[in-house]
Amino acid sequence: MTTSLPIDSFRTITLSEMQDVKLMNRTDTKYIIPIGFLPSVLESCKGSYFLQKSSAGGTTEYRTLYFDTPGHDSYLLHLHGREPRQKLRTRIYEDTGDAFFEIKTKGNKGRTKKRRAQIEVVDFENFLANPDARDLAKNKSRWDCNVLSPSVEIHFSRLTLVNYDKTERVTIDYQLNFLNSRNGASASLPEIAILELKRDGRKRSLMQDILLQMRIFPTRFSKYCTGLMLTDKNLPKGRFKLRLIQLNKLIDKYA
């Protein structure tokens, strides 16, 4: 599904100008948006948010590879709602060629902390080849890094917005494509976009108000867990099964 996005009229901000909006220790609020709603969301906020520049104008292409134990312990922690929980991944920013190994930890107070080390693109599938990434995993991962292996690779496009006060960042991920690294199965979700509002504390947000007016409400969504469920039918679904049903209903309603 192709949707034209009204991004040309946004004021832009460069990556270097965003350094004071890192929000490495933050609260995240996620929303699932039918892709057909996305132009209206962007039109409503363009007078209050910068659009991050990229080599493609405003859209950045991402490749992300998640690592897990042989028994999918990272996935199972999320499935059972246990905290703190972690996700370990490598990521390539296609427009700049930069690559990182990252550890995301969500604590029991709902805050997310991200640590990362820069790596070479050739280390995308084997972060242990990079000394800084290996040390980070050894010191901060809850699992023995030597048992971790690629689980799911995700390709997607991203728009990044920053409000004029530079107190919040909004990422909008769409054109999601999944590839299971262990069984070769693939899946895609072209009908939806995932909007994530990232901020310190719970300050009032114009984006949040816009979504509320459109009757789009916060939800929980993990690209990793969703990609794994869509590409591995043998995994336990538990409480995620209802989420998949709700997602499919949303897609059917607005397809």
Foldseek 3Di string as FASTA:
>chain_A
DDDDAPDPLAAADEPVRLPVLPLQKWAKWKFKAFPVCRNVLCVVCRVFKHWYQFPVGRKWKKKKWWKAFPVRVLLVCVLVVHPQGKIWMKMATVRVRWIKTKIWTQGPVRIIHMDIDTDHPVCRFPVCVPPVNVVCCVVPPPDDPVRMGTFKMKIWMWIWIAGPVSFKIKIKTAFIKMAGPPPGFIDTDRRIIMIMIIGHDDDDDPSQVSCVVVVTDTDDDDSVNVRNVVGDVPDDCRPVVVVVVVVVVVSVVVD
